[in-house]
């Protein structure tokens, strides 16, 4: 993963991502997909399924295709400055991207609707939902955090304002990569994913590193969902600076960050060294 030195001029684009969860015999697991190596955003890295907000996401009829009122979704997102239509669209974008990249459909119609949509996936998502009269499930898809690419980004010169949602994979559905935007996928315990990163078996970007370290503190899906319901999603706008020739990413609560209140448990900064992002005091520091 190469360090980026270009400063973007465009404002961050709205985006959504879904941290899909399941309980296993070994504890909590997270679904990760490997982005195509030719992708212009995090190519080759393992990420949670997601992507940018499309105009069509804000045009879906919420009364026909969502199980909550837009006002409820807006309130749960915890962004008073974001209009209701955009807030609703961010949920739709999250569920659309989950379907497109992992074939998981968050729907009250279950696996039968998933199979029907997959059969004719070439059509636009909204059109498929309308033709099959599918109602999306949002009540069990909870806002988890909000990440905004730093003003001086470290990996790509594209900036995103990404809402992270957490959700359990619906019963009787199997998550898998789409072989287009994503070329591989895996279910991993959060700590195991970070161990693979540390052993250079996979690449991770800083938001995934910090999110996995956060999730590693939870024992089950129910525990994560309970935590998500207990508070509004924190806003995380990392701030970057160079220290003795080393790029540093700091997070709210760090002495060098402009926001003094913590947004995440654990480490408040990552350093770019050994051609990757690491905590100052080594791997175990991610969990203390």
Protein backbone atom coordinates (compact mmCIF):
# COMPACT_ATOMS: atom_id res chain seq x y z
CA UNK A 1 0.00 0.00 0.00
CA UNK A 2 1.61 3.22 -1.17
CA UNK A 3 1.42 6.51 0.66
CA UNK A 4 -0.44 9.26 -1.22
CA UNK A 5 0.93 12.80 -1.30
CA UNK A 6 -1.64 14.56 -3.51
CA UNK A 7 -4.14 16.95 -1.95
CA UNK A 8 -7.66 16.61 -3.44
CA UNK A 9 -9.71 19.65 -4.30
CA UNK A 10 -13.22 18.15 -4.47
CA UNK A 11 -15.38 17.78 -1.33
CA UNK A 12 -15.90 14.24 0.03
CA UNK A 13 -18.59 12.15 -1.66
CA UNK A 14 -21.34 10.50 0.35
CA UNK A 15 -20.93 6.73 0.66
CA UNK A 16 -22.18 3.77 2.67
CA UNK A 17 -20.66 0.48 3.78
CA UNK A 18 -22.06 -2.54 5.60
CA UNK A 19 -20.10 -4.40 8.25
CA UNK A 20 -21.78 -7.80 7.94
CA UNK A 21 -21.55 -10.00 11.00
CA UNK A 22 -22.21 -13.54 12.10
CA UNK A 23 -21.68 -15.68 15.20
CA UNK A 24 -19.50 -18.77 14.81
CA UNK A 25 -18.12 -21.49 17.05
CA UNK A 26 -15.05 -19.27 17.42
CA UNK A 27 -16.98 -16.11 18.22
CA UNK A 28 -17.86 -13.00 16.24
CA UNK A 29 -16.87 -12.96 12.55
CA UNK A 30 -16.85 -10.17 9.95
CA UNK A 31 -17.29 -10.48 6.19
CA UNK A 32 -14.54 -8.88 4.11
CA UNK A 33 -14.13 -8.63 0.34
CA UNK A 34 -10.93 -8.04 -1.60
CA UNK A 35 -11.32 -5.16 -4.02
CA UNK A 36 -10.22 -5.77 -7.59
CA UNK A 37 -6.56 -4.91 -7.99
CA UNK A 38 -7.43 -2.48 -10.80
CA UNK A 39 -9.93 -0.56 -8.69
CA UNK A 40 -9.07 3.13 -8.38
CA UNK A 41 -10.11 3.10 -4.72
CA UNK A 42 -8.24 0.72 -2.38
CA UNK A 43 -7.42 -1.72 -5.17
CA UNK A 44 -6.27 -5.05 -3.71
CA UNK A 45 -7.29 -4.17 -0.15
CA UNK A 46 -9.82 -6.05 1.98
CA UNK A 47 -12.83 -3.91 2.85
CA UNK A 48 -16.42 -4.14 4.02
CA UNK A 49 -18.89 -4.15 1.09
CA UNK A 50 -19.86 -0.62 0.17
CA UNK A 51 -19.66 2.25 -2.27
CA UNK A 52 -20.75 5.77 -3.09
CA UNK A 53 -24.30 7.10 -2.81
CA UNK A 54 -26.06 7.10 -6.20
CA UNK A 55 -28.86 9.49 -7.14
CA UNK A 56 -31.22 6.52 -7.56
CA UNK A 57 -30.69 5.56 -3.90
CA UNK A 58 -32.51 8.73 -2.89
CA UNK A 59 -35.33 8.08 -5.37
CA UNK A 60 -36.51 4.70 -4.05
CA UNK A 61 -40.09 4.86 -2.74
CA UNK A 62 -39.63 4.41 1.04
CA UNK A 63 -43.29 3.65 1.71
CA UNK A 64 -43.26 0.76 -0.75
CA UNK A 65 -39.78 -0.63 -0.17
CA UNK A 66 -38.56 0.20 3.36
CA UNK A 67 -39.74 -1.05 6.73
CA UNK A 68 -39.22 2.27 8.55
CA UNK A 69 -40.30 5.84 7.98
CA UNK A 70 -37.61 8.15 6.56
CA UNK A 71 -37.83 10.26 9.72
CA UNK A 72 -36.88 7.22 11.82
CA UNK A 73 -33.88 6.47 9.62
CA UNK A 74 -32.81 10.11 9.76
CA UNK A 75 -32.98 10.15 13.55
CA UNK A 76 -30.99 6.91 13.91
CA UNK A 77 -28.25 8.26 11.63
CA UNK A 78 -27.66 11.11 14.07
CA UNK A 79 -26.92 13.78 11.47
CA UNK A 80 -29.28 16.75 11.93
CA UNK A 81 -27.49 18.66 9.16
CA UNK A 82 -28.17 15.88 6.62
CA UNK A 83 -31.57 16.10 4.95
CA UNK A 84 -34.06 13.26 5.34
CA UNK A 85 -33.93 12.22 1.67
CA UNK A 86 -30.14 11.87 1.72
CA UNK A 87 -30.21 10.03 5.06
CA UNK A 88 -32.74 7.54 3.66
CA UNK A 89 -30.66 7.17 0.51
CA UNK A 90 -27.61 6.27 2.59
CA UNK A 91 -29.47 3.28 4.02
CA UNK A 92 -30.57 2.25 0.54
CA UNK A 93 -27.01 2.62 -0.76
CA UNK A 94 -25.74 0.37 2.02
CA UNK A 95 -28.26 -2.36 1.24
CA UNK A 96 -27.80 -2.02 -2.52
CA UNK A 97 -24.03 -2.31 -2.22
CA UNK A 98 -24.38 -5.33 0.06
CA UNK A 99 -26.49 -7.00 -2.61
CA UNK A 100 -24.27 -6.01 -5.52
CA UNK A 101 -20.95 -6.90 -3.90
CA UNK A 102 -21.85 -9.83 -1.65
CA UNK A 103 -25.22 -11.08 -3.00
CA UNK A 104 -26.83 -10.58 0.41
CA UNK A 105 -30.30 -9.05 0.33
CA UNK A 106 -31.56 -7.44 3.51
CA UNK A 107 -35.23 -8.07 2.90
CA UNK A 108 -38.29 -9.24 4.79
CA UNK A 109 -38.97 -11.51 1.82
CA UNK A 110 -35.89 -13.56 2.69
CA UNK A 111 -33.94 -15.96 0.54
CA UNK A 112 -36.70 -16.29 -2.05
CA UNK A 113 -36.44 -12.59 -2.90
CA UNK A 114 -32.66 -12.87 -2.94
CA UNK A 115 -32.84 -15.68 -5.49
CA UNK A 116 -35.33 -13.77 -7.65
CA UNK A 117 -33.20 -10.63 -7.72
CA UNK A 118 -30.01 -12.56 -8.45
CA UNK A 119 -31.75 -14.23 -11.39
CA UNK A 120 -32.15 -10.85 -13.11
CA UNK A 121 -29.36 -8.81 -11.54
CA UNK A 122 -28.66 -6.88 -14.75
CA UNK A 123 -31.61 -4.55 -14.11
CA UNK A 124 -31.25 -1.48 -11.87
CA UNK A 125 -31.73 -2.23 -8.18
CA UNK A 126 -34.78 0.02 -7.79
CA UNK A 127 -36.45 -1.54 -10.81
CA UNK A 128 -35.90 -5.04 -9.46
CA UNK A 129 -37.40 -4.10 -6.09
CA UNK A 130 -40.44 -2.56 -7.77
CA UNK A 131 -41.07 -5.47 -10.14
CA UNK A 132 -40.78 -8.06 -7.38
CA UNK A 133 -42.44 -5.88 -4.71
CA UNK A 134 -39.51 -6.42 -2.34
CA UNK A 135 -39.42 -4.63 1.00
CA UNK A 136 -35.94 -3.93 2.37
CA UNK A 137 -35.08 -4.55 6.00
CA UNK A 138 -33.60 -1.56 7.81
CA UNK A 139 -34.64 -2.20 11.41
CA UNK A 140 -31.74 -4.59 11.96
CA UNK A 141 -29.21 -2.49 10.03
CA UNK A 142 -27.75 -0.04 12.53
CA UNK A 143 -25.50 3.00 12.01
CA UNK A 144 -22.11 2.26 13.60
CA UNK A 145 -19.74 5.09 12.69
CA UNK A 146 -19.10 7.86 10.19
CA UNK A 147 -15.68 8.17 8.55
CA UNK A 148 -14.57 11.16 6.50
CA UNK A 149 -11.37 10.90 4.50
CA UNK A 150 -8.72 13.28 5.90
CA UNK A 151 -8.25 16.60 4.16
CA UNK A 152 -4.74 15.39 3.38
CA UNK A 153 -5.49 11.72 2.61
CA UNK A 154 -2.79 9.10 2.92
CA UNK A 155 -3.87 6.41 0.44
CA UNK A 156 -6.02 7.92 -2.32
CA UNK A 157 -6.70 11.46 -3.47
CA UNK A 158 -10.43 10.69 -3.56
CA UNK A 159 -12.36 11.70 -0.46
CA UNK A 160 -15.47 10.03 0.93
CA UNK A 161 -17.94 10.71 3.73
CA UNK A 162 -18.79 7.11 4.55
CA UNK A 163 -21.46 5.84 6.92
CA UNK A 164 -20.62 2.44 8.39
CA UNK A 165 -23.62 0.24 9.24
CA UNK A 166 -23.55 -3.05 11.19
CA UNK A 167 -25.92 -5.96 10.53
CA UNK A 168 -26.15 -9.71 10.88
CA UNK A 169 -26.39 -11.60 7.59
CA UNK A 170 -30.05 -12.62 7.16
CA UNK A 171 -30.97 -16.22 7.85
CA UNK A 172 -30.52 -18.68 4.95
CA UNK A 173 -28.40 -16.27 2.91
CA UNK A 174 -24.73 -16.79 2.10
CA UNK A 175 -22.35 -13.91 1.53
CA UNK A 176 -19.85 -14.22 -1.31
CA UNK A 177 -17.85 -11.85 -3.55
CA UNK A 178 -19.24 -10.81 -6.92
CA UNK A 179 -16.12 -11.64 -8.98
CA UNK A 180 -16.29 -8.16 -10.49
CA UNK A 181 -15.64 -5.37 -8.02
CA UNK A 182 -14.42 -7.93 -5.50
CA UNK A 183 -12.27 -10.94 -6.40
CA UNK A 184 -12.03 -12.75 -3.06
CA UNK A 185 -13.88 -12.80 0.24
CA UNK A 186 -13.57 -14.25 3.72
CA UNK A 187 -15.31 -14.54 7.05
CA UNK A 188 -12.78 -13.71 9.76
CA UNK A 189 -12.78 -12.89 13.42
CA UNK A 190 -11.81 -9.21 13.76
CA UNK A 191 -8.56 -10.05 15.54
CA UNK A 192 -7.75 -12.78 12.99
CA UNK A 193 -8.20 -10.28 10.15
CA UNK A 194 -5.78 -7.91 11.86
CA UNK A 195 -3.34 -10.76 12.43
CA UNK A 196 -3.41 -11.53 8.70
CA UNK A 197 -2.77 -7.86 8.01
CA UNK A 198 0.15 -7.86 10.42
CA UNK A 199 1.58 -10.97 8.75
CA UNK A 200 1.18 -9.19 5.35
CA UNK A 201 -1.26 -11.78 4.06
CA UNK A 202 -3.90 -9.12 3.35
CA UNK A 203 -3.98 -5.33 2.98
CA UNK A 204 -6.25 -3.12 5.07
CA UNK A 205 -6.88 0.62 5.02
CA UNK A 206 -6.89 2.63 8.27
CA UNK A 207 -10.72 2.77 8.68
CA UNK A 208 -10.85 -1.02 8.43
CA UNK A 209 -7.93 -1.42 10.84
CA UNK A 210 -9.54 0.80 13.46
CA UNK A 211 -13.03 -0.66 12.93
CA UNK A 212 -11.78 -4.23 13.28
CA UNK A 213 -9.88 -3.31 16.45
CA UNK A 214 -13.12 -1.82 17.77
CA UNK A 215 -15.16 -4.90 16.83
CA UNK A 216 -12.57 -7.20 18.43
CA UNK A 217 -13.84 -5.91 21.78
CA UNK A 218 -17.25 -7.50 21.18
CA UNK A 219 -18.04 -11.17 21.70
CA UNK A 220 -21.17 -11.59 19.56
CA UNK A 221 -23.47 -10.06 16.99
CA UNK A 222 -25.98 -9.23 19.72
CA UNK A 223 -23.27 -7.42 21.66
CA UNK A 224 -22.35 -5.28 18.63
CA UNK A 225 -25.97 -4.47 17.84
CA UNK A 226 -26.66 -3.54 21.45
CA UNK A 227 -23.70 -1.15 21.41
CA UNK A 228 -24.90 0.37 18.11
CA UNK A 229 -28.36 1.01 19.55
CA UNK A 230 -26.95 2.54 22.72
CA UNK A 231 -25.37 5.59 21.11
CA UNK A 232 -25.35 7.71 17.99
CA UNK A 233 -22.55 6.84 15.53
CA UNK A 234 -19.35 8.78 16.23
CA UNK A 235 -17.92 11.11 13.58
CA UNK A 236 -14.31 10.27 12.75
CA UNK A 237 -12.38 12.76 10.67
CA UNK A 238 -8.72 11.72 10.99
CA UNK A 239 -6.13 14.47 10.96
CA UNK A 240 -2.75 13.88 9.36
CA UNK A 241 0.70 15.32 9.90
CA UNK A 242 4.29 14.33 9.29
CA UNK A 243 6.59 13.72 12.25
CA UNK A 244 10.29 13.14 11.61
CA UNK A 245 9.48 12.07 8.08
CA UNK A 246 6.71 9.68 9.14
CA UNK A 247 3.05 10.19 8.20
CA UNK A 248 0.80 10.09 11.26
CA UNK A 249 -2.98 9.63 11.29
CA UNK A 250 -4.58 10.77 14.52
CA UNK A 251 -8.15 10.34 15.66
CA UNK A 252 -10.48 12.25 18.01
CA UNK A 253 -9.12 12.14 21.53
CA UNK A 254 -5.48 12.18 20.45
CA UNK A 255 -3.42 15.04 21.92
CA UNK A 256 -2.67 16.24 18.38
CA UNK A 257 -6.30 16.11 17.16
CA UNK A 258 -8.52 19.19 17.17
CA UNK A 259 -11.37 17.18 18.76
CA UNK A 260 -10.47 16.21 22.31
CA UNK A 261 -13.32 13.78 22.98
CA UNK A 262 -12.62 10.17 22.01
CA UNK A 263 -14.64 8.62 19.19
CA UNK A 264 -13.20 5.09 19.40
CA UNK A 265 -11.75 2.84 22.11
CA UNK A 266 -8.07 1.97 22.05
CA UNK A 267 -5.38 3.66 19.96
CA UNK A 268 -5.79 7.26 18.88
CA UNK A 269 -3.18 7.23 16.11
CA UNK A 270 -1.58 5.12 13.41
CA UNK A 271 1.83 5.68 11.85
CA UNK A 272 2.87 4.86 8.29
CA UNK A 273 6.00 2.80 8.63
CA UNK A 274 7.26 -0.46 7.11
CA UNK A 275 5.04 0.43 4.12
CA UNK A 276 1.83 0.08 6.14
CA UNK A 277 -0.13 1.73 8.93
CA UNK A 278 0.78 0.56 12.43
CA UNK A 279 0.06 1.60 16.02
CA UNK A 280 2.97 3.24 17.78
CA UNK A 281 3.57 0.40 20.25
CA UNK A 282 3.07 -2.64 18.01
CA UNK A 283 0.27 -5.05 17.19
CA UNK A 284 -1.10 -5.69 20.69
CA UNK A 285 -1.57 -1.96 21.18
CA UNK A 286 -4.58 -2.20 18.84
CA UNK A 287 -6.49 -4.02 21.59
CA UNK A 288 -5.49 -2.01 24.67
